[in-house]
Amino acid sequence: MKAPVKSLQVHFNGLDRAVISIEVPKAALSSLPDVTKPLEVEIRPKRKKRSLAANSYCWVLCGEIARKIGSGMRDTDVYKTAVRNAADDTMWTPARVPRAKAREMMRLWASNGEGWQAVPISNGYEPYVDFRLFQGSSVYDSRQMSRLIDELITEAENLGIDTLTPDERERMLHEWGQ
């Protein structure tokens, strides 16, 4: 069951127990699981739905850049390059993998989506390969998406492609949500 929380109250029941009362819309009870079986609860902040405008604009820019560059460049190639170029330390994770498992790890990581890239950063004959694991924009917050859009806008402008005005960009990214 997933439902918006209308209110939440906590009452302590001894030193090591608490009772949580949660008010949800009545309609949410239709998806309540079988309460005779063990259950677990996760309560987390509600996030705004992300605007598709920022994601759509990202792909429009990727397509325009790819067309302008030509030479068989695809929009996915532009996107992957922008994901790497826009990344700060919050947009990739270091990983060390045994050399024998490196190709499998790269394949599995990439299966998460277009922008998910395992980029080797070590070379030579060590028994391990060090990677930077880049995530795709599907998991970005608004700050990270802003970095990606800025990277693509800069590239587009360098190629003489028309882009959004700064005000239009801000409105679109504000809709992306946090």
N, C-alpha and C. Protein backbone atom coordinates (compact mmCIF):
# COMPACT_ATOMS: atom_id res chain seq x y z
N MET A 1 0.85 -1.18 0.00
CA MET A 1 0.00 0.00 0.00
C MET A 1 0.89 1.24 0.00
N LYS A 2 0.57 2.15 -0.86
CA LYS A 2 1.27 3.44 -0.89
C LYS A 2 0.20 4.51 -0.85
N ALA A 3 0.35 5.45 0.07
CA ALA A 3 -0.67 6.48 0.23
C ALA A 3 -0.06 7.75 0.79
N PRO A 4 -0.64 8.91 0.44
CA PRO A 4 -0.18 10.16 1.06
C PRO A 4 -0.61 10.21 2.52
N VAL A 5 0.28 10.65 3.37
CA VAL A 5 -0.01 10.74 4.80
C VAL A 5 -0.67 12.09 5.08
N LYS A 6 -1.87 12.04 5.65
CA LYS A 6 -2.59 13.26 6.01
C LYS A 6 -2.12 13.78 7.36
N SER A 7 -1.90 12.86 8.31
CA SER A 7 -1.34 13.24 9.61
C SER A 7 -0.67 12.02 10.20
N LEU A 8 0.22 12.26 11.15
CA LEU A 8 0.97 11.19 11.80
C LEU A 8 1.14 11.55 13.27
N GLN A 9 0.84 10.59 14.14
CA GLN A 9 1.01 10.81 15.58
C GLN A 9 1.83 9.66 16.15
N VAL A 10 2.70 9.98 17.07
CA VAL A 10 3.54 8.97 17.72
C VAL A 10 3.23 8.96 19.21
N HIS A 11 3.01 7.78 19.76
CA HIS A 11 2.79 7.59 21.20
C HIS A 11 3.77 6.52 21.66
N PHE A 12 4.45 6.79 22.77
CA PHE A 12 5.43 5.83 23.27
C PHE A 12 4.73 4.82 24.17
N ASN A 13 5.09 3.57 23.95
CA ASN A 13 4.49 2.45 24.66
C ASN A 13 5.62 1.71 25.38
N GLY A 14 6.13 2.31 26.44
CA GLY A 14 7.28 1.74 27.14
C GLY A 14 8.57 2.40 26.66
N LEU A 15 9.69 1.87 27.14
CA LEU A 15 10.99 2.46 26.81
C LEU A 15 11.48 2.10 25.41
N ASP A 16 11.03 0.95 24.89
CA ASP A 16 11.58 0.49 23.63
C ASP A 16 10.53 0.29 22.54
N ARG A 17 9.36 0.84 22.69
CA ARG A 17 8.29 0.67 21.69
C ARG A 17 7.55 2.00 21.48
N ALA A 18 7.04 2.14 20.26
CA ALA A 18 6.23 3.31 19.92
C ALA A 18 5.06 2.86 19.06
N VAL A 19 3.98 3.56 19.17
CA VAL A 19 2.80 3.32 18.34
C VAL A 19 2.65 4.52 17.42
N ILE A 20 2.54 4.25 16.13
CA ILE A 20 2.38 5.31 15.14
C ILE A 20 0.98 5.22 14.58
N SER A 21 0.24 6.32 14.65
CA SER A 21 -1.09 6.40 14.04
C SER A 21 -0.96 7.27 12.80
N ILE A 22 -1.39 6.73 11.66
CA ILE A 22 -1.25 7.43 10.39
C ILE A 22 -2.64 7.59 9.77
N GLU A 23 -2.97 8.82 9.39
CA GLU A 23 -4.22 9.06 8.68
C GLU A 23 -3.95 9.11 7.19
N VAL A 24 -4.67 8.27 6.44
CA VAL A 24 -4.54 8.22 4.98
C VAL A 24 -5.94 8.31 4.37
N PRO A 25 -6.04 8.63 3.10
CA PRO A 25 -7.35 8.62 2.45
C PRO A 25 -7.97 7.22 2.50
N LYS A 26 -9.25 7.16 2.71
CA LYS A 26 -9.93 5.89 2.84
C LYS A 26 -9.74 5.00 1.61
N ALA A 27 -9.69 5.59 0.45
CA ALA A 27 -9.52 4.83 -0.80
C ALA A 27 -8.22 4.03 -0.82
N ALA A 28 -7.21 4.50 -0.09
CA ALA A 28 -5.92 3.79 -0.07
C ALA A 28 -6.02 2.42 0.59
N LEU A 29 -7.03 2.24 1.42
CA LEU A 29 -7.19 0.97 2.12
C LEU A 29 -7.52 -0.19 1.19
N SER A 30 -7.97 0.12 -0.01
CA SER A 30 -8.29 -0.95 -0.96
C SER A 30 -7.04 -1.72 -1.37
N SER A 31 -5.87 -1.12 -1.24
CA SER A 31 -4.63 -1.80 -1.61
C SER A 31 -3.86 -2.28 -0.37
N LEU A 32 -4.52 -2.34 0.76
CA LEU A 32 -3.89 -2.81 1.99
C LEU A 32 -3.55 -4.29 1.84
N PRO A 33 -2.33 -4.70 2.16
CA PRO A 33 -1.96 -6.11 2.02
C PRO A 33 -2.61 -6.96 3.12
N ASP A 34 -2.43 -8.25 3.00
CA ASP A 34 -2.96 -9.21 3.98
C ASP A 34 -2.31 -8.94 5.33
N VAL A 35 -3.10 -8.47 6.30
CA VAL A 35 -2.56 -8.09 7.61
C VAL A 35 -2.32 -9.29 8.52
N THR A 36 -2.66 -10.49 8.06
CA THR A 36 -2.37 -11.69 8.86
C THR A 36 -0.93 -12.15 8.64
N LYS A 37 -0.26 -11.57 7.67
CA LYS A 37 1.15 -11.90 7.39
C LYS A 37 2.02 -10.78 7.92
N PRO A 38 3.32 -11.07 8.19
CA PRO A 38 4.22 -10.01 8.67
C PRO A 38 4.30 -8.87 7.66
N LEU A 39 4.31 -7.65 8.17
CA LEU A 39 4.38 -6.45 7.33
C LEU A 39 5.59 -5.62 7.73
N GLU A 40 5.97 -4.72 6.86
CA GLU A 40 6.99 -3.72 7.20
C GLU A 40 6.53 -2.39 6.65
N VAL A 41 6.96 -1.33 7.29
CA VAL A 41 6.53 0.02 6.93
C VAL A 41 7.74 0.87 6.60
N GLU A 42 7.60 1.67 5.55
CA GLU A 42 8.62 2.67 5.22
C GLU A 42 7.90 4.00 5.11
N ILE A 43 8.35 4.97 5.86
CA ILE A 43 7.77 6.31 5.80
C ILE A 43 8.88 7.24 5.32
N ARG A 44 8.60 7.96 4.23
CA ARG A 44 9.61 8.85 3.67
C ARG A 44 8.94 10.11 3.18
N PRO A 45 9.70 11.18 3.04
CA PRO A 45 9.11 12.43 2.56
C PRO A 45 8.52 12.26 1.17
N LYS A 46 7.41 12.90 0.93
CA LYS A 46 6.79 12.85 -0.38
C LYS A 46 7.54 13.80 -1.30
N ARG A 47 7.84 13.30 -2.48
CA ARG A 47 8.51 14.12 -3.48
C ARG A 47 7.50 14.55 -4.52
N LYS A 48 7.73 15.74 -5.05
CA LYS A 48 6.90 16.19 -6.15
C LYS A 48 7.20 15.32 -7.37
N LYS A 49 6.20 15.12 -8.20
CA LYS A 49 6.41 14.42 -9.46
C LYS A 49 7.32 15.29 -10.32
N ARG A 50 8.21 14.65 -11.01
CA ARG A 50 9.10 15.41 -11.86
C ARG A 50 8.41 15.82 -13.14
N SER A 51 8.78 16.97 -13.60
CA SER A 51 8.25 17.47 -14.87
C SER A 51 8.90 16.70 -16.01
N LEU A 52 8.09 16.33 -16.97
CA LEU A 52 8.64 15.68 -18.15
C LEU A 52 9.29 16.72 -19.07
N ALA A 53 9.02 18.00 -18.83
CA ALA A 53 9.57 19.05 -19.69
C ALA A 53 11.10 19.05 -19.65
N ALA A 54 11.69 18.92 -18.48
CA ALA A 54 13.15 18.95 -18.38
C ALA A 54 13.75 17.74 -19.09
N ASN A 55 13.15 16.57 -18.88
CA ASN A 55 13.65 15.37 -19.53
C ASN A 55 13.47 15.47 -21.05
N SER A 56 12.33 15.96 -21.48
CA SER A 56 12.08 16.11 -22.92
C SER A 56 13.06 17.10 -23.54
N TYR A 57 13.29 18.21 -22.84
CA TYR A 57 14.22 19.21 -23.35
C TYR A 57 15.63 18.64 -23.43
N CYS A 58 16.01 17.84 -22.46
CA CYS A 58 17.31 17.17 -22.47
C CYS A 58 17.47 16.39 -23.78
N TRP A 59 16.45 15.61 -24.14
CA TRP A 59 16.54 14.77 -25.34
C TRP A 59 16.43 15.59 -26.62
N VAL A 60 15.68 16.69 -26.59
CA VAL A 60 15.64 17.58 -27.76
C VAL A 60 17.04 18.13 -28.02
N LEU A 61 17.69 18.61 -26.95
CA LEU A 61 19.05 19.15 -27.11
C LEU A 61 20.01 18.07 -27.60
N CYS A 62 19.91 16.87 -27.05
CA CYS A 62 20.79 15.77 -27.48
C CYS A 62 20.62 15.49 -28.97
N GLY A 63 19.36 15.48 -29.42
CA GLY A 63 19.09 15.24 -30.84
C GLY A 63 19.62 16.34 -31.73
N GLU A 64 19.42 17.60 -31.31
CA GLU A 64 19.90 18.74 -32.11
C GLU A 64 21.43 18.75 -32.18
N ILE A 65 22.07 18.47 -31.05
CA ILE A 65 23.54 18.43 -31.02
C ILE A 65 24.05 17.31 -31.92
N ALA A 66 23.44 16.14 -31.83
CA ALA A 66 23.86 15.00 -32.66
C ALA A 66 23.72 15.32 -34.14
N ARG A 67 22.58 15.95 -34.53
CA ARG A 67 22.37 16.31 -35.93
C ARG A 67 23.42 17.33 -36.41
N LYS A 68 23.71 18.29 -35.54
CA LYS A 68 24.68 19.34 -35.92
C LYS A 68 26.09 18.75 -36.08
N ILE A 69 26.46 17.84 -35.19
CA ILE A 69 27.80 17.22 -35.27
C ILE A 69 27.88 16.28 -36.46
N GLY A 70 26.80 15.52 -36.69
CA GLY A 70 26.78 14.58 -37.83
C GLY A 70 27.72 13.41 -37.60
N SER A 71 28.31 12.92 -38.67
CA SER A 71 29.30 11.82 -38.61
C SER A 71 28.80 10.61 -37.83
N GLY A 72 27.52 10.30 -37.95
CA GLY A 72 26.98 9.13 -37.26
C GLY A 72 26.74 9.32 -35.77
N MET A 73 26.88 10.54 -35.30
CA MET A 73 26.63 10.82 -33.88
C MET A 73 25.15 10.59 -33.59
N ARG A 74 24.86 9.91 -32.47
CA ARG A 74 23.48 9.65 -32.08
C ARG A 74 23.13 10.48 -30.85
N ASP A 75 21.84 10.70 -30.62
CA ASP A 75 21.43 11.47 -29.44
C ASP A 75 21.86 10.77 -28.15
N THR A 76 21.88 9.44 -28.15
CA THR A 76 22.32 8.72 -26.95
C THR A 76 23.81 8.92 -26.69
N ASP A 77 24.60 9.07 -27.75
CA ASP A 77 26.04 9.35 -27.57
C ASP A 77 26.23 10.72 -26.92
N VAL A 78 25.46 11.70 -27.39
CA VAL A 78 25.53 13.05 -26.81
C VAL A 78 25.11 13.00 -25.35
N TYR A 79 24.02 12.30 -25.06
CA TYR A 79 23.52 12.18 -23.68
C TYR A 79 24.57 11.57 -22.76
N LYS A 80 25.16 10.47 -23.19
CA LYS A 80 26.16 9.79 -22.34
C LYS A 80 27.37 10.69 -22.07
N THR A 81 27.79 11.41 -23.08
CA THR A 81 28.91 12.33 -22.90
C THR A 81 28.53 13.45 -21.93
N ALA A 82 27.32 13.98 -22.07
CA ALA A 82 26.87 15.05 -21.18
C ALA A 82 26.74 14.57 -19.74
N VAL A 83 26.27 13.34 -19.54
CA VAL A 83 26.16 12.78 -18.18
C VAL A 83 27.54 12.76 -17.53
N ARG A 84 28.55 12.33 -18.26
CA ARG A 84 29.91 12.29 -17.70
C ARG A 84 30.46 13.70 -17.47
N ASN A 85 30.27 14.58 -18.44
CA ASN A 85 30.84 15.93 -18.35
C ASN A 85 30.17 16.78 -17.28
N ALA A 86 28.87 16.56 -17.05
CA ALA A 86 28.13 17.37 -16.07
C ALA A 86 28.32 16.87 -14.64
N ALA A 87 28.84 15.67 -14.49
CA ALA A 87 28.88 15.02 -13.17
C ALA A 87 29.79 15.72 -12.18
N ASP A 88 29.23 15.92 -10.99
CA ASP A 88 30.07 16.31 -9.85
C ASP A 88 30.20 15.07 -8.97
N ASP A 89 30.77 15.23 -7.78
CA ASP A 89 31.03 14.07 -6.93
C ASP A 89 29.77 13.37 -6.44
N THR A 90 28.60 14.01 -6.57
CA THR A 90 27.36 13.36 -6.13
C THR A 90 26.72 12.55 -7.26
N MET A 91 27.29 12.62 -8.46
CA MET A 91 26.65 12.01 -9.61
C MET A 91 27.38 10.78 -10.13
N TRP A 92 28.37 10.33 -9.38
CA TRP A 92 29.03 9.08 -9.70
C TRP A 92 29.53 8.44 -8.40
N THR A 93 29.75 7.15 -8.47
CA THR A 93 30.20 6.38 -7.32
C THR A 93 31.46 5.62 -7.70
N PRO A 94 32.47 5.60 -6.85
CA PRO A 94 33.65 4.79 -7.15
C PRO A 94 33.37 3.31 -6.88
N ALA A 95 34.00 2.46 -7.64
CA ALA A 95 33.85 1.02 -7.42
C ALA A 95 35.14 0.32 -7.81
N ARG A 96 35.46 -0.73 -7.09
CA ARG A 96 36.61 -1.57 -7.40
C ARG A 96 36.10 -2.99 -7.59
N VAL A 97 36.41 -3.55 -8.74
CA VAL A 97 35.88 -4.86 -9.11
C VAL A 97 37.04 -5.76 -9.53
N PRO A 98 37.00 -7.04 -9.15
CA PRO A 98 38.03 -7.97 -9.65
C PRO A 98 38.05 -7.95 -11.18
N ARG A 99 39.24 -7.94 -11.74
CA ARG A 99 39.41 -7.82 -13.19
C ARG A 99 38.55 -8.84 -13.94
N ALA A 100 38.44 -10.05 -13.43
CA ALA A 100 37.66 -11.10 -14.10
C ALA A 100 36.17 -10.77 -14.15
N LYS A 101 35.68 -9.89 -13.30
CA LYS A 101 34.26 -9.53 -13.24
C LYS A 101 33.97 -8.17 -13.88
N ALA A 102 34.99 -7.48 -14.37
CA ALA A 102 34.82 -6.10 -14.84
C ALA A 102 33.83 -5.99 -16.00
N ARG A 103 33.95 -6.83 -17.00
CA ARG A 103 33.04 -6.75 -18.16
C ARG A 103 31.60 -7.03 -17.76
N GLU A 104 31.40 -8.01 -16.89
CA GLU A 104 30.06 -8.33 -16.43
C GLU A 104 29.46 -7.16 -15.65
N MET A 105 30.28 -6.54 -14.78
CA MET A 105 29.80 -5.41 -14.01
C MET A 105 29.41 -4.25 -14.92
N MET A 106 30.22 -3.98 -15.95
CA MET A 106 29.91 -2.91 -16.90
C MET A 106 28.59 -3.19 -17.61
N ARG A 107 28.37 -4.42 -18.01
CA ARG A 107 27.14 -4.80 -18.70
C ARG A 107 25.94 -4.64 -17.78
N LEU A 108 26.06 -5.12 -16.55
CA LEU A 108 24.95 -5.04 -15.61
C LEU A 108 24.62 -3.60 -15.25
N TRP A 109 25.65 -2.78 -15.03
CA TRP A 109 25.42 -1.37 -14.68
C TRP A 109 24.71 -0.65 -15.83
N ALA A 110 25.16 -0.90 -17.06
CA ALA A 110 24.58 -0.25 -18.23
C ALA A 110 23.14 -0.69 -18.47
N SER A 111 22.75 -1.83 -17.96
CA SER A 111 21.39 -2.32 -18.17
C SER A 111 20.36 -1.50 -17.39
N ASN A 112 20.80 -0.59 -16.51
CA ASN A 112 19.88 0.28 -15.76
C ASN A 112 19.28 1.38 -16.62
N GLY A 113 19.93 1.72 -17.74
CA GLY A 113 19.41 2.77 -18.61
C GLY A 113 20.52 3.41 -19.42
N GLU A 114 20.13 4.31 -20.32
CA GLU A 114 21.07 4.93 -21.26
C GLU A 114 22.25 5.63 -20.59
N GLY A 115 22.00 6.40 -19.54
CA GLY A 115 23.06 7.19 -18.95
C GLY A 115 23.92 6.44 -17.95
N TRP A 116 23.55 5.23 -17.61
CA TRP A 116 24.26 4.45 -16.59
C TRP A 116 25.51 3.88 -17.22
N GLN A 117 26.67 4.43 -16.80
CA GLN A 117 27.95 4.07 -17.42
C GLN A 117 28.97 3.69 -16.36
N ALA A 118 29.67 2.60 -16.61
CA ALA A 118 30.78 2.19 -15.76
C ALA A 118 32.05 2.51 -16.54
N VAL A 119 32.74 3.57 -16.13
CA VAL A 119 33.91 4.05 -16.85
C VAL A 119 35.17 3.63 -16.08
N PRO A 120 36.01 2.78 -16.70
CA PRO A 120 37.25 2.38 -16.01
C PRO A 120 38.19 3.56 -15.83
N ILE A 121 38.79 3.66 -14.64
CA ILE A 121 39.73 4.76 -14.39
C ILE A 121 41.11 4.25 -14.02
N SER A 122 41.27 2.92 -14.02
CA SER A 122 42.60 2.37 -13.76
C SER A 122 43.02 1.56 -14.97
N ASN A 123 44.30 1.37 -15.08
CA ASN A 123 44.85 0.67 -16.22
C ASN A 123 45.95 -0.26 -15.73
N GLY A 124 46.40 -1.14 -16.57
CA GLY A 124 47.52 -1.99 -16.20
C GLY A 124 47.08 -3.39 -15.81
N TYR A 125 47.90 -4.01 -14.97
CA TYR A 125 47.70 -5.43 -14.68
C TYR A 125 47.30 -5.69 -13.25
N GLU A 126 46.74 -4.71 -12.58
CA GLU A 126 46.31 -4.92 -11.21
C GLU A 126 45.22 -5.99 -11.19
N PRO A 127 45.04 -6.64 -10.04
CA PRO A 127 43.98 -7.67 -9.99
C PRO A 127 42.58 -7.06 -9.95
N TYR A 128 42.48 -5.73 -9.80
CA TYR A 128 41.20 -5.05 -9.74
C TYR A 128 41.14 -3.96 -10.80
N VAL A 129 39.92 -3.59 -11.16
CA VAL A 129 39.68 -2.44 -12.04
C VAL A 129 38.88 -1.43 -11.24
N ASP A 130 39.33 -0.19 -11.22
CA ASP A 130 38.60 0.88 -10.56
C ASP A 130 37.70 1.56 -11.58
N PHE A 131 36.48 1.86 -11.16
CA PHE A 131 35.48 2.46 -12.04
C PHE A 131 34.90 3.71 -11.42
N ARG A 132 34.38 4.57 -12.29
CA ARG A 132 33.42 5.60 -11.89
C ARG A 132 32.09 5.12 -12.44
N LEU A 133 31.12 4.94 -11.54
CA LEU A 133 29.80 4.48 -11.93
C LEU A 133 28.87 5.69 -12.02
N PHE A 134 28.54 6.06 -13.25
CA PHE A 134 27.66 7.21 -13.48
C PHE A 134 26.22 6.73 -13.55
N GLN A 135 25.32 7.48 -12.90
CA GLN A 135 23.90 7.18 -12.96
C GLN A 135 23.25 8.05 -14.03
N GLY A 136 22.18 7.55 -14.60
CA GLY A 136 21.43 8.31 -15.58
C GLY A 136 20.52 9.32 -14.92
N SER A 137 19.97 10.21 -15.71
CA SER A 137 19.17 11.32 -15.19
C SER A 137 17.84 10.88 -14.58
N SER A 138 17.45 9.63 -14.76
CA SER A 138 16.19 9.16 -14.18
C SER A 138 16.19 9.23 -12.66
N VAL A 139 17.37 9.28 -12.05
CA VAL A 139 17.46 9.35 -10.59
C VAL A 139 17.98 10.70 -10.10
N TYR A 140 18.13 11.67 -11.01
CA TYR A 140 18.67 12.97 -10.64
C TYR A 140 17.67 13.78 -9.83
N ASP A 141 18.20 14.58 -8.91
CA ASP A 141 17.37 15.59 -8.26
C ASP A 141 17.44 16.85 -9.13
N SER A 142 16.75 17.91 -8.70
CA SER A 142 16.68 19.10 -9.55
C SER A 142 18.04 19.76 -9.75
N ARG A 143 18.91 19.74 -8.75
CA ARG A 143 20.24 20.33 -8.90
C ARG A 143 21.07 19.55 -9.93
N GLN A 144 21.00 18.24 -9.86
CA GLN A 144 21.76 17.41 -10.80
C GLN A 144 21.22 17.55 -12.22
N MET A 145 19.89 17.59 -12.33
CA MET A 145 19.29 17.77 -13.66
C MET A 145 19.66 19.13 -14.23
N SER A 146 19.74 20.13 -13.37
CA SER A 146 20.15 21.46 -13.80
C SER A 146 21.57 21.42 -14.38
N ARG A 147 22.46 20.69 -13.73
CA ARG A 147 23.84 20.57 -14.23
C ARG A 147 23.86 19.92 -15.62
N LEU A 148 23.04 18.88 -15.79
CA LEU A 148 23.00 18.19 -17.08
C LEU A 148 22.44 19.11 -18.16
N ILE A 149 21.34 19.79 -17.88
CA ILE A 149 20.76 20.72 -18.85
C ILE A 149 21.74 21.84 -19.19
N ASP A 150 22.42 22.38 -18.18
CA ASP A 150 23.42 23.44 -18.42
C ASP A 150 24.53 22.94 -19.33
N GLU A 151 24.99 21.72 -19.12
CA GLU A 151 26.04 21.12 -19.96
C GLU A 151 25.56 21.05 -21.41
N LEU A 152 24.33 20.58 -21.60
CA LEU A 152 23.79 20.45 -22.96
C LEU A 152 23.55 21.81 -23.60
N ILE A 153 23.08 22.78 -22.83
CA ILE A 153 22.86 24.13 -23.35
C ILE A 153 24.18 24.74 -23.81
N THR A 154 25.21 24.59 -22.99
CA THR A 154 26.54 25.13 -23.36
C THR A 154 27.02 24.51 -24.66
N GLU A 155 26.90 23.20 -24.78
CA GLU A 155 27.33 22.52 -26.00
C GLU A 155 26.51 22.99 -27.20
N ALA A 156 25.20 23.10 -27.01
CA ALA A 156 24.33 23.56 -28.10
C ALA A 156 24.69 24.97 -28.53
N GLU A 157 24.89 25.86 -27.57
CA GLU A 157 25.24 27.24 -27.91
C GLU A 157 26.58 27.31 -28.62
N ASN A 158 27.54 26.47 -28.20
CA ASN A 158 28.85 26.42 -28.88
C ASN A 158 28.70 26.00 -30.34
N LEU A 159 27.65 25.24 -30.63
CA LEU A 159 27.41 24.76 -32.00
C LEU A 159 26.45 25.66 -32.76
N GLY A 160 26.00 26.77 -32.13
CA GLY A 160 25.09 27.70 -32.78
C GLY A 160 23.63 27.25 -32.80
N ILE A 161 23.26 26.38 -31.88
CA ILE A 161 21.88 25.89 -31.78
C ILE A 161 21.12 26.78 -30.82
N ASP A 162 19.89 27.18 -31.20
CA ASP A 162 19.05 27.99 -30.32
C ASP A 162 18.65 27.19 -29.08
N THR A 163 18.63 27.86 -27.94
CA THR A 163 18.27 27.21 -26.68
C THR A 163 17.25 28.08 -25.95
N LEU A 164 16.77 27.59 -24.82
CA LEU A 164 15.85 28.35 -23.99
C LEU A 164 16.53 29.58 -23.41
N THR A 165 15.72 30.59 -23.11
CA THR A 165 16.25 31.74 -22.38
C THR A 165 16.50 31.29 -20.94
N PRO A 166 17.32 32.02 -20.19
CA PRO A 166 17.54 31.66 -18.78
C PRO A 166 16.26 31.57 -17.96
N ASP A 167 15.29 32.47 -18.21
CA ASP A 167 14.02 32.44 -17.48
C ASP A 167 13.21 31.19 -17.82
N GLU A 168 13.17 30.83 -19.10
CA GLU A 168 12.45 29.61 -19.51
C GLU A 168 13.09 28.38 -18.88
N ARG A 169 14.42 28.36 -18.84
CA ARG A 169 15.15 27.25 -18.26
C ARG A 169 14.82 27.11 -16.77
N GLU A 170 14.81 28.23 -16.06
CA GLU A 170 14.51 28.21 -14.62
C GLU A 170 13.10 27.70 -14.35
N ARG A 171 12.14 28.16 -15.14
CA ARG A 171 10.75 27.69 -14.96
C ARG A 171 10.66 26.18 -15.18
N MET A 172 11.30 25.70 -16.22
CA MET A 172 11.26 24.27 -16.52
C MET A 172 11.91 23.46 -15.42
N LEU A 173 13.06 23.89 -14.94
CA LEU A 173 13.75 23.14 -13.89
C LEU A 173 13.03 23.24 -12.55
N HIS A 174 12.34 24.36 -12.31
CA HIS A 174 11.54 24.47 -11.10
C HIS A 174 10.44 23.41 -11.09
N GLU A 175 9.84 23.17 -12.26
CA GLU A 175 8.81 22.14 -12.39
C GLU A 175 9.38 20.76 -12.14
N TRP A 176 10.69 20.57 -12.44
CA TRP A 176 11.33 19.27 -12.26
C TRP A 176 11.15 18.80 -10.82
N GLY A 177 11.13 19.74 -9.90
CA GLY A 177 10.85 19.40 -8.48
C GLY A 177 12.09 18.97 -7.74
N GLN A 178 11.92 18.80 -6.46
CA GLN A 178 13.04 18.38 -5.63
C GLN A 178 12.74 17.04 -5.01
